[in-house]
């Protein structure tokens, strides 16, 4: 089992999101994990219904938008679709949901898909 430690940004001053922790099987895919997050209603709803979020671990994984039928995975998550690849030997997967307000989700996706991490 993989322990997921999930946090998210606040959507307004009175919103005080609490981090949650839950377990998923090692065979769970990133897409399946995102579905679980959406089903558990962890993302805040906003007036107008067009919130954009990015899911990140040590790298950006996906963009989730209220107006999209499905989240869009970023390249790393597409090449390593199972969460055990993200968690590694620790079997703990820290995830964070960044709130991008009502930014066009296609713009957020296009910026993040070109995102490069430095190599040591």
Protein backbone atom coordinates (compact mmCIF):
# COMPACT_ATOMS: atom_id res chain seq x y z
CA UNK A 1 0.00 0.00 0.00
CA UNK A 2 1.03 3.58 -0.69
CA UNK A 3 0.26 6.32 1.83
CA UNK A 4 -0.87 9.50 0.06
CA UNK A 5 -0.41 12.77 1.95
CA UNK A 6 -2.55 15.33 0.13
CA UNK A 7 -2.74 19.09 0.64
CA UNK A 8 -4.20 21.95 -1.37
CA UNK A 9 -4.11 25.72 -1.67
CA UNK A 10 -6.83 27.88 -0.21
CA UNK A 11 -9.35 29.37 -2.66
CA UNK A 12 -10.27 32.38 -0.46
CA UNK A 13 -9.45 33.88 2.94
CA UNK A 14 -12.05 31.86 4.87
CA UNK A 15 -11.03 28.57 3.23
CA UNK A 16 -8.68 26.66 5.52
CA UNK A 17 -8.01 23.33 3.83
CA UNK A 18 -6.70 20.50 5.95
CA UNK A 19 -4.23 17.99 4.66
CA UNK A 20 -5.59 14.47 4.36
CA UNK A 21 -3.89 11.11 4.39
CA UNK A 22 -5.19 7.93 2.81
CA UNK A 23 -3.92 4.67 1.33
CA UNK A 24 -4.07 3.34 -2.22
CA UNK A 25 -2.78 0.14 -3.74
CA UNK A 26 0.63 0.16 -5.43
CA UNK A 27 -1.06 -0.63 -8.74
CA UNK A 28 -3.20 2.52 -8.60
CA UNK A 29 -2.55 4.74 -11.60
CA UNK A 30 -2.16 8.50 -11.43
CA UNK A 31 -5.46 8.76 -13.34
CA UNK A 32 -7.13 6.49 -10.80
CA UNK A 33 -5.69 8.50 -7.94
CA UNK A 34 -7.02 11.74 -9.44
CA UNK A 35 -10.45 10.13 -9.78
CA UNK A 36 -10.33 9.20 -6.08
CA UNK A 37 -9.37 12.78 -5.13
CA UNK A 38 -12.25 14.18 -7.19
CA UNK A 39 -14.72 11.64 -5.75
CA UNK A 40 -13.74 12.50 -2.18
CA UNK A 41 -14.67 16.14 -2.92
CA UNK A 42 -11.36 17.46 -1.59
CA UNK A 43 -11.20 20.22 -4.21
CA UNK A 44 -13.08 23.36 -3.27
CA UNK A 45 -15.99 24.41 -5.45
CA UNK A 46 -15.94 27.99 -6.64
CA UNK A 47 -18.67 30.31 -7.84
CA UNK A 48 -18.74 30.18 -11.62
CA UNK A 49 -17.52 26.59 -11.72
CA UNK A 50 -14.31 27.10 -13.68
CA UNK A 51 -11.53 26.45 -11.18
CA UNK A 52 -8.19 25.19 -12.45
CA UNK A 53 -5.86 23.06 -10.32
CA UNK A 54 -2.49 21.44 -10.89
CA UNK A 55 -1.53 18.26 -9.06
CA UNK A 56 2.16 18.09 -8.16
CA UNK A 57 4.54 15.79 -6.35
CA UNK A 58 8.24 16.26 -7.04
CA UNK A 59 7.08 17.36 -10.51
CA UNK A 60 3.82 18.51 -12.09
CA UNK A 61 1.54 15.52 -12.73
CA UNK A 62 -1.78 16.78 -14.06
CA UNK A 63 -4.11 19.71 -14.62
CA UNK A 64 -7.66 19.40 -13.32
CA UNK A 65 -10.32 21.85 -14.47
CA UNK A 66 -13.97 22.00 -13.48
CA UNK A 67 -14.94 22.64 -17.10
CA UNK A 68 -13.05 19.60 -18.43
CA UNK A 69 -14.67 16.17 -18.49
CA UNK A 70 -11.31 14.60 -17.50
CA UNK A 71 -8.00 15.82 -16.07
CA UNK A 72 -5.01 16.03 -18.42
CA UNK A 73 -1.90 14.16 -17.38
CA UNK A 74 1.47 15.77 -17.90
CA UNK A 75 4.22 13.76 -19.56
CA UNK A 76 5.88 12.30 -16.44
CA UNK A 77 2.60 10.85 -15.22
CA UNK A 78 1.93 9.45 -18.69
CA UNK A 79 5.29 7.64 -18.80
CA UNK A 80 5.08 6.41 -15.18
CA UNK A 81 1.36 5.85 -14.73
CA UNK A 82 1.43 3.94 -11.41
CA UNK A 83 1.75 5.75 -8.08
CA UNK A 84 4.42 3.38 -6.76
CA UNK A 85 6.86 5.00 -9.24
CA UNK A 86 6.24 8.34 -7.52
CA UNK A 87 6.35 7.05 -3.95
CA UNK A 88 9.50 4.97 -4.34
CA UNK A 89 10.77 2.78 -1.54
CA UNK A 90 9.30 5.00 1.19
CA UNK A 91 5.77 4.09 0.01
CA UNK A 92 4.73 7.63 0.98
CA UNK A 93 3.48 9.98 -1.73
CA UNK A 94 3.21 13.67 -0.84
CA UNK A 95 0.90 15.50 -3.26
CA UNK A 96 -0.23 19.10 -3.45
CA UNK A 97 -3.01 20.75 -5.43
CA UNK A 98 -2.14 24.27 -6.60
CA UNK A 99 -5.09 26.56 -7.22
CA UNK A 100 -4.83 28.62 -10.41
CA UNK A 101 -8.12 30.50 -9.88
CA UNK A 102 -10.07 30.77 -13.11
CA UNK A 103 -7.03 30.73 -15.36
CA UNK A 104 -7.60 29.09 -18.72
CA UNK A 105 -6.72 25.44 -17.98
CA UNK A 106 -5.20 25.00 -21.45
CA UNK A 107 -2.70 27.77 -20.70
CA UNK A 108 -1.83 26.23 -17.31
CA UNK A 109 -1.40 22.83 -18.99
CA UNK A 110 0.80 24.22 -21.78
CA UNK A 111 3.05 26.04 -19.30
CA UNK A 112 3.43 23.00 -17.02
CA UNK A 113 4.04 20.50 -19.83
CA UNK A 114 7.14 22.50 -20.78
CA UNK A 115 8.32 22.73 -17.17
CA UNK A 116 11.86 21.43 -16.67
CA UNK A 117 13.44 20.35 -13.42
CA UNK A 118 17.14 20.87 -12.74
CA UNK A 119 19.33 17.79 -12.50
CA UNK A 120 21.99 17.41 -9.83
